[in-house]
PDB file of N, CA and C in Angstrom:
ATOM      1  N   UNK A   1      13.156 -30.261 -11.107  1.00  0.00           N
ATOM      2  CA  UNK A   1      12.879 -31.473 -10.376  1.00  0.00           C
ATOM      3  C   UNK A   1      14.127 -32.350 -10.413  1.00  0.00           C
ATOM      4  N   UNK A   2      14.575 -32.779  -9.269  1.00  0.00           N
ATOM      5  CA  UNK A   2      15.765 -33.628  -9.188  1.00  0.00           C
ATOM      6  C   UNK A   2      15.358 -35.098  -9.122  1.00  0.00           C
ATOM      7  N   UNK A   3      16.286 -35.959  -9.496  1.00  0.00           N
ATOM      8  CA  UNK A   3      16.048 -37.387  -9.418  1.00  0.00           C
ATOM      9  C   UNK A   3      15.215 -37.928 -10.564  1.00  0.00           C
ATOM     10  N   UNK A   4      15.084 -37.153 -11.613  1.00  0.00           N
ATOM     11  CA  UNK A   4      14.339 -37.585 -12.789  1.00  0.00           C
ATOM     12  C   UNK A   4      15.347 -37.909 -13.870  1.00  0.00           C
ATOM     13  N   UNK A   5      15.100 -38.995 -14.583  1.00  0.00           N
ATOM     14  CA  UNK A   5      16.001 -39.426 -15.659  1.00  0.00           C
ATOM     15  C   UNK A   5      17.397 -39.596 -15.087  1.00  0.00           C
ATOM     16  N   UNK A   6      18.397 -38.948 -15.670  1.00  0.00           N
ATOM     17  CA  UNK A   6      19.773 -39.127 -15.203  1.00  0.00           C
ATOM     18  C   UNK A   6      20.236 -38.000 -14.298  1.00  0.00           C
ATOM     19  N   UNK A   7      19.351 -37.114 -13.884  1.00  0.00           N
ATOM     20  CA  UNK A   7      19.800 -36.001 -13.046  1.00  0.00           C
ATOM     21  C   UNK A   7      18.713 -35.022 -12.705  1.00  0.00           C
ATOM     22  N   UNK A   8      18.480 -34.040 -13.579  1.00  0.00           N
ATOM     23  CA  UNK A   8      17.546 -32.953 -13.300  1.00  0.00           C
ATOM     24  C   UNK A   8      16.726 -32.695 -14.557  1.00  0.00           C
ATOM     25  N   UNK A   9      15.462 -32.377 -14.363  1.00  0.00           N
ATOM     26  CA  UNK A   9      14.589 -32.065 -15.491  1.00  0.00           C
ATOM     27  C   UNK A   9      14.120 -30.622 -15.368  1.00  0.00           C
ATOM     28  N   UNK A  10      14.052 -29.914 -16.490  1.00  0.00           N
ATOM     29  CA  UNK A  10      13.557 -28.544 -16.485  1.00  0.00           C
ATOM     30  C   UNK A  10      12.035 -28.509 -16.400  1.00  0.00           C
ATOM     31  N   UNK A  11      11.372 -29.325 -17.210  1.00  0.00           N
ATOM     32  CA  UNK A  11       9.910 -29.373 -17.211  1.00  0.00           C
ATOM     33  C   UNK A  11       9.485 -30.834 -17.237  1.00  0.00           C
ATOM     34  N   UNK A  12       8.625 -31.218 -16.312  1.00  0.00           N
ATOM     35  CA  UNK A  12       8.098 -32.578 -16.271  1.00  0.00           C
ATOM     36  C   UNK A  12       6.628 -32.520 -16.654  1.00  0.00           C
ATOM     37  N   UNK A  13       6.246 -33.366 -17.602  1.00  0.00           N
ATOM     38  CA  UNK A  13       4.860 -33.434 -18.067  1.00  0.00           C
ATOM     39  C   UNK A  13       4.295 -34.808 -17.723  1.00  0.00           C
ATOM     40  N   UNK A  14       3.013 -34.859 -17.484  1.00  0.00           N
ATOM     41  CA  UNK A  14       2.358 -36.145 -17.326  1.00  0.00           C
ATOM     42  C   UNK A  14       1.059 -36.097 -18.106  1.00  0.00           C
ATOM     43  N   UNK A  15       0.921 -37.028 -19.043  1.00  0.00           N
ATOM     44  CA  UNK A  15      -0.260 -37.092 -19.897  1.00  0.00           C
ATOM     45  C   UNK A  15      -0.765 -38.523 -19.892  1.00  0.00           C
ATOM     46  N   UNK A  16      -1.980 -38.717 -19.471  1.00  0.00           N
ATOM     47  CA  UNK A  16      -2.589 -40.049 -19.434  1.00  0.00           C
ATOM     48  C   UNK A  16      -1.686 -41.074 -18.754  1.00  0.00           C
ATOM     49  N   UNK A  17      -1.061 -40.687 -17.662  1.00  0.00           N
ATOM     50  CA  UNK A  17      -0.236 -41.599 -16.893  1.00  0.00           C
ATOM     51  C   UNK A  17       1.177 -41.787 -17.413  1.00  0.00           C
ATOM     52  N   UNK A  18       1.530 -41.144 -18.523  1.00  0.00           N
ATOM     53  CA  UNK A  18       2.881 -41.235 -19.075  1.00  0.00           C
ATOM     54  C   UNK A  18       3.635 -39.965 -18.714  1.00  0.00           C
ATOM     55  N   UNK A  19       4.769 -40.137 -18.055  1.00  0.00           N
ATOM     56  CA  UNK A  19       5.560 -38.984 -17.634  1.00  0.00           C
ATOM     57  C   UNK A  19       6.719 -38.803 -18.607  1.00  0.00           C
ATOM     58  N   UNK A  20       6.951 -37.557 -19.031  1.00  0.00           N
ATOM     59  CA  UNK A  20       8.099 -37.260 -19.879  1.00  0.00           C
ATOM     60  C   UNK A  20       8.657 -35.903 -19.499  1.00  0.00           C
ATOM     61  N   UNK A  21       9.888 -35.668 -19.931  1.00  0.00           N
ATOM     62  CA  UNK A  21      10.573 -34.442 -19.558  1.00  0.00           C
ATOM     63  C   UNK A  21      10.944 -33.636 -20.784  1.00  0.00           C
ATOM     64  N   UNK A  22      11.037 -32.330 -20.577  1.00  0.00           N
ATOM     65  CA  UNK A  22      11.574 -31.425 -21.580  1.00  0.00           C
ATOM     66  C   UNK A  22      12.709 -30.662 -20.917  1.00  0.00           C
ATOM     67  N   UNK A  23      13.883 -30.794 -21.473  1.00  0.00           N
ATOM     68  CA  UNK A  23      15.023 -30.021 -21.003  1.00  0.00           C
ATOM     69  C   UNK A  23      15.206 -28.858 -21.961  1.00  0.00           C
ATOM     70  N   UNK A  24      15.346 -27.660 -21.419  1.00  0.00           N
ATOM     71  CA  UNK A  24      15.406 -26.448 -22.234  1.00  0.00           C
ATOM     72  C   UNK A  24      16.815 -25.864 -22.192  1.00  0.00           C
ATOM     73  N   UNK A  25      17.353 -25.617 -23.381  1.00  0.00           N
ATOM     74  CA  UNK A  25      18.658 -24.981 -23.523  1.00  0.00           C
ATOM     75  C   UNK A  25      18.485 -23.676 -24.289  1.00  0.00           C
ATOM     76  N   UNK A  26      19.489 -22.808 -24.209  1.00  0.00           N
ATOM     77  CA  UNK A  26      19.491 -21.557 -24.975  1.00  0.00           C
ATOM     78  C   UNK A  26      20.708 -21.535 -25.870  1.00  0.00           C
ATOM     79  N   UNK A  27      20.513 -21.134 -27.111  1.00  0.00           N
ATOM     80  CA  UNK A  27      21.651 -20.970 -28.028  1.00  0.00           C
ATOM     81  C   UNK A  27      21.711 -19.508 -28.440  1.00  0.00           C
ATOM     82  N   UNK A  28      22.818 -18.852 -28.107  1.00  0.00           N
ATOM     83  CA  UNK A  28      22.957 -17.423 -28.375  1.00  0.00           C
ATOM     84  C   UNK A  28      23.976 -17.109 -29.460  1.00  0.00           C
ATOM     85  N   UNK A  29      24.713 -18.107 -29.944  1.00  0.00           N
ATOM     86  CA  UNK A  29      25.782 -17.853 -30.910  1.00  0.00           C
ATOM     87  C   UNK A  29      25.505 -18.434 -32.291  1.00  0.00           C
ATOM     88  N   UNK A  30      25.271 -19.753 -32.359  1.00  0.00           N
ATOM     89  CA  UNK A  30      25.174 -20.437 -33.647  1.00  0.00           C
ATOM     90  C   UNK A  30      24.082 -21.500 -33.558  1.00  0.00           C
ATOM     91  N   UNK A  31      22.954 -21.245 -34.192  1.00  0.00           N
ATOM     92  CA  UNK A  31      21.830 -22.170 -34.142  1.00  0.00           C
ATOM     93  C   UNK A  31      21.748 -23.060 -35.378  1.00  0.00           C
ATOM     94  N   UNK A  32      22.859 -23.206 -36.089  1.00  0.00           N
ATOM     95  CA  UNK A  32      22.851 -24.103 -37.238  1.00  0.00           C
ATOM     96  C   UNK A  32      22.679 -25.535 -36.748  1.00  0.00           C
ATOM     97  N   UNK A  33      22.134 -26.379 -37.614  1.00  0.00           N
ATOM     98  CA  UNK A  33      21.921 -27.771 -37.243  1.00  0.00           C
ATOM     99  C   UNK A  33      23.233 -28.429 -36.829  1.00  0.00           C
ATOM    100  N   UNK A  34      24.287 -28.141 -37.556  1.00  0.00           N
ATOM    101  CA  UNK A  34      25.587 -28.739 -37.265  1.00  0.00           C
ATOM    102  C   UNK A  34      26.063 -28.376 -35.860  1.00  0.00           C
ATOM    103  N   UNK A  35      25.924 -27.106 -35.481  1.00  0.00           N
ATOM    104  CA  UNK A  35      26.347 -26.686 -34.150  1.00  0.00           C
ATOM    105  C   UNK A  35      25.458 -27.275 -33.067  1.00  0.00           C
ATOM    106  N   UNK A  36      24.148 -27.304 -33.291  1.00  0.00           N
ATOM    107  CA  UNK A  36      23.252 -27.880 -32.291  1.00  0.00           C
ATOM    108  C   UNK A  36      23.555 -29.360 -32.081  1.00  0.00           C
ATOM    109  N   UNK A  37      23.828 -30.065 -33.163  1.00  0.00           N
ATOM    110  CA  UNK A  37      24.174 -31.478 -33.051  1.00  0.00           C
ATOM    111  C   UNK A  37      25.481 -31.646 -32.279  1.00  0.00           C
ATOM    112  N   UNK A  38      26.472 -30.811 -32.584  1.00  0.00           N
ATOM    113  CA  UNK A  38      27.751 -30.891 -31.886  1.00  0.00           C
ATOM    114  C   UNK A  38      27.610 -30.513 -30.410  1.00  0.00           C
ATOM    115  N   UNK A  39      26.782 -29.532 -30.120  1.00  0.00           N
ATOM    116  CA  UNK A  39      26.646 -29.038 -28.749  1.00  0.00           C
ATOM    117  C   UNK A  39      25.762 -29.921 -27.876  1.00  0.00           C
ATOM    118  N   UNK A  40      24.696 -30.473 -28.436  1.00  0.00           N
ATOM    119  CA  UNK A  40      23.686 -31.157 -27.627  1.00  0.00           C
ATOM    120  C   UNK A  40      23.400 -32.587 -28.059  1.00  0.00           C
ATOM    121  N   UNK A  41      24.031 -33.047 -29.124  1.00  0.00           N
ATOM    122  CA  UNK A  41      23.748 -34.381 -29.640  1.00  0.00           C
ATOM    123  C   UNK A  41      24.034 -35.491 -28.642  1.00  0.00           C
ATOM    124  N   UNK A  42      25.156 -35.401 -27.933  1.00  0.00           N
ATOM    125  CA  UNK A  42      25.491 -36.430 -26.955  1.00  0.00           C
ATOM    126  C   UNK A  42      24.457 -36.494 -25.838  1.00  0.00           C
ATOM    127  N   UNK A  43      23.935 -35.342 -25.446  1.00  0.00           N
ATOM    128  CA  UNK A  43      22.945 -35.315 -24.375  1.00  0.00           C
ATOM    129  C   UNK A  43      21.654 -36.001 -24.806  1.00  0.00           C
ATOM    130  N   UNK A  44      21.263 -35.822 -26.054  1.00  0.00           N
ATOM    131  CA  UNK A  44      20.039 -36.480 -26.514  1.00  0.00           C
ATOM    132  C   UNK A  44      20.207 -37.993 -26.515  1.00  0.00           C
ATOM    133  N   UNK A  45      21.410 -38.477 -26.780  1.00  0.00           N
ATOM    134  CA  UNK A  45      21.671 -39.915 -26.732  1.00  0.00           C
ATOM    135  C   UNK A  45      21.491 -40.448 -25.321  1.00  0.00           C
ATOM    136  N   UNK A  46      21.867 -39.659 -24.320  1.00  0.00           N
ATOM    137  CA  UNK A  46      21.732 -40.105 -22.932  1.00  0.00           C
ATOM    138  C   UNK A  46      20.282 -40.353 -22.540  1.00  0.00           C
ATOM    139  N   UNK A  47      19.328 -39.679 -23.181  1.00  0.00           N
ATOM    140  CA  UNK A  47      17.924 -39.898 -22.842  1.00  0.00           C
ATOM    141  C   UNK A  47      17.492 -41.332 -23.117  1.00  0.00           C
ATOM    142  N   UNK A  48      18.200 -42.043 -23.998  1.00  0.00           N
ATOM    143  CA  UNK A  48      17.855 -43.428 -24.288  1.00  0.00           C
ATOM    144  C   UNK A  48      18.113 -44.337 -23.093  1.00  0.00           C
ATOM    145  N   UNK A  49      18.911 -43.877 -22.130  1.00  0.00           N
ATOM    146  CA  UNK A  49      19.292 -44.695 -20.984  1.00  0.00           C
ATOM    147  C   UNK A  49      18.628 -44.248 -19.686  1.00  0.00           C
ATOM    148  N   UNK A  50      17.557 -43.500 -19.781  1.00  0.00           N
ATOM    149  CA  UNK A  50      16.889 -42.996 -18.589  1.00  0.00           C
ATOM    150  C   UNK A  50      15.698 -43.872 -18.228  1.00  0.00           C
ATOM    151  N   UNK A  51      15.085 -43.545 -17.106  1.00  0.00           N
ATOM    152  CA  UNK A  51      13.916 -44.281 -16.649  1.00  0.00           C
ATOM    153  C   UNK A  51      12.614 -43.661 -17.155  1.00  0.00           C
ATOM    154  N   UNK A  52      12.688 -42.780 -18.128  1.00  0.00           N
ATOM    155  CA  UNK A  52      11.499 -42.157 -18.700  1.00  0.00           C
ATOM    156  C   UNK A  52      11.346 -42.591 -20.148  1.00  0.00           C
ATOM    157  N   UNK A  53      10.111 -42.817 -20.596  1.00  0.00           N
ATOM    158  CA  UNK A  53       9.927 -43.279 -21.972  1.00  0.00           C
ATOM    159  C   UNK A  53      10.156 -42.198 -23.024  1.00  0.00           C
ATOM    160  N   UNK A  54       9.988 -40.926 -22.653  1.00  0.00           N
ATOM    161  CA  UNK A  54      10.131 -39.838 -23.622  1.00  0.00           C
ATOM    162  C   UNK A  54      10.952 -38.721 -22.996  1.00  0.00           C
ATOM    163  N   UNK A  55      11.981 -38.270 -23.709  1.00  0.00           N
ATOM    164  CA  UNK A  55      12.769 -37.125 -23.293  1.00  0.00           C
ATOM    165  C   UNK A  55      12.909 -36.175 -24.462  1.00  0.00           C
ATOM    166  N   UNK A  56      12.663 -34.906 -24.219  1.00  0.00           N
ATOM    167  CA  UNK A  56      12.718 -33.890 -25.266  1.00  0.00           C
ATOM    168  C   UNK A  56      13.793 -32.875 -24.891  1.00  0.00           C
ATOM    169  N   UNK A  57      14.643 -32.564 -25.848  1.00  0.00           N
ATOM    170  CA  UNK A  57      15.623 -31.498 -25.654  1.00  0.00           C
ATOM    171  C   UNK A  57      15.206 -30.344 -26.549  1.00  0.00           C
ATOM    172  N   UNK A  58      14.837 -29.242 -25.949  1.00  0.00           N
ATOM    173  CA  UNK A  58      14.363 -28.067 -26.661  1.00  0.00           C
ATOM    174  C   UNK A  58      15.452 -27.002 -26.613  1.00  0.00           C
ATOM    175  N   UNK A  59      15.854 -26.511 -27.782  1.00  0.00           N
ATOM    176  CA  UNK A  59      16.869 -25.463 -27.832  1.00  0.00           C
ATOM    177  C   UNK A  59      16.212 -24.192 -28.362  1.00  0.00           C
ATOM    178  N   UNK A  60      16.209 -23.165 -27.535  1.00  0.00           N
ATOM    179  CA  UNK A  60      15.638 -21.879 -27.895  1.00  0.00           C
ATOM    180  C   UNK A  60      16.672 -21.072 -28.666  1.00  0.00           C
ATOM    181  N   UNK A  61      16.351 -20.712 -29.884  1.00  0.00           N
ATOM    182  CA  UNK A  61      17.263 -19.967 -30.752  1.00  0.00           C
ATOM    183  C   UNK A  61      17.193 -18.485 -30.394  1.00  0.00           C
ATOM    184  N   UNK A  62      18.248 -17.992 -29.747  1.00  0.00           N
ATOM    185  CA  UNK A  62      18.342 -16.579 -29.376  1.00  0.00           C
ATOM    186  C   UNK A  62      19.395 -15.863 -30.204  1.00  0.00           C
ATOM    187  N   UNK A  63      19.699 -16.409 -31.381  1.00  0.00           N
ATOM    188  CA  UNK A  63      20.754 -15.821 -32.201  1.00  0.00           C
ATOM    189  C   UNK A  63      20.287 -14.623 -32.997  1.00  0.00           C
ATOM    190  N   UNK A  64      18.991 -14.457 -33.162  1.00  0.00           N
ATOM    191  CA  UNK A  64      18.472 -13.319 -33.916  1.00  0.00           C
ATOM    192  C   UNK A  64      18.549 -12.082 -33.042  1.00  0.00           C
ATOM    193  N   UNK A  65      19.350 -11.127 -33.443  1.00  0.00           N
ATOM    194  CA  UNK A  65      19.623  -9.953 -32.606  1.00  0.00           C
ATOM    195  C   UNK A  65      18.479  -8.946 -32.571  1.00  0.00           C
ATOM    196  N   UNK A  66      17.674  -8.881 -33.622  1.00  0.00           N
ATOM    197  CA  UNK A  66      16.599  -7.894 -33.627  1.00  0.00           C
ATOM    198  C   UNK A  66      15.312  -8.417 -32.991  1.00  0.00           C
ATOM    199  N   UNK A  67      15.351  -9.650 -32.469  1.00  0.00           N
ATOM    200  CA  UNK A  67      14.192 -10.195 -31.781  1.00  0.00           C
ATOM    201  C   UNK A  67      13.170 -10.834 -32.679  1.00  0.00           C
ATOM    202  N   UNK A  68      13.385 -10.785 -33.992  1.00  0.00           N
ATOM    203  CA  UNK A  68      12.434 -11.372 -34.922  1.00  0.00           C
ATOM    204  C   UNK A  68      13.111 -12.495 -35.703  1.00  0.00           C
ATOM    205  N   UNK A  69      12.397 -13.564 -35.874  1.00  0.00           N
ATOM    206  CA  UNK A  69      12.916 -14.639 -36.715  1.00  0.00           C
ATOM    207  C   UNK A  69      11.884 -14.912 -37.786  1.00  0.00           C
ATOM    208  N   UNK A  70      12.207 -15.807 -38.677  1.00  0.00           N
ATOM    209  CA  UNK A  70      11.257 -16.152 -39.724  1.00  0.00           C
ATOM    210  C   UNK A  70      10.041 -16.873 -39.144  1.00  0.00           C
ATOM    211  N   UNK A  71       9.025 -16.997 -39.950  1.00  0.00           N
ATOM    212  CA  UNK A  71       7.833 -17.727 -39.530  1.00  0.00           C
ATOM    213  C   UNK A  71       8.208 -19.181 -39.291  1.00  0.00           C
ATOM    214  N   UNK A  72       7.554 -19.807 -38.338  1.00  0.00           N
ATOM    215  CA  UNK A  72       7.866 -21.179 -37.953  1.00  0.00           C
ATOM    216  C   UNK A  72       7.846 -22.127 -39.158  1.00  0.00           C
ATOM    217  N   UNK A  73       6.953 -21.930 -40.077  1.00  0.00           N
ATOM    218  CA  UNK A  73       6.846 -22.813 -41.245  1.00  0.00           C
ATOM    219  C   UNK A  73       8.049 -22.708 -42.171  1.00  0.00           C
ATOM    220  N   UNK A  74       8.801 -21.609 -42.097  1.00  0.00           N
ATOM    221  CA  UNK A  74       9.936 -21.441 -42.993  1.00  0.00           C
ATOM    222  C   UNK A  74      11.266 -21.800 -42.342  1.00  0.00           C
ATOM    223  N   UNK A  75      11.253 -22.084 -41.070  1.00  0.00           N
ATOM    224  CA  UNK A  75      12.502 -22.371 -40.356  1.00  0.00           C
ATOM    225  C   UNK A  75      12.854 -23.838 -40.453  1.00  0.00           C
TER     226      UNK A  75
END
């Protein structure tokens, strides 16, 4: 969807009249917190200046080569 927030939104949600966006990224090399912050931290700051009350940046960790990662509770 174009024209949402500061440009384009991957997924737009509306719940009880509140609209928010989720932008989805993929990380294939280094999913450490430090790298994610360096790679996407500035973008999350930009959500504070948008016309939407809630913006979510979701990064899908594709660094596990065998297709399996730990259980969500341990990550």
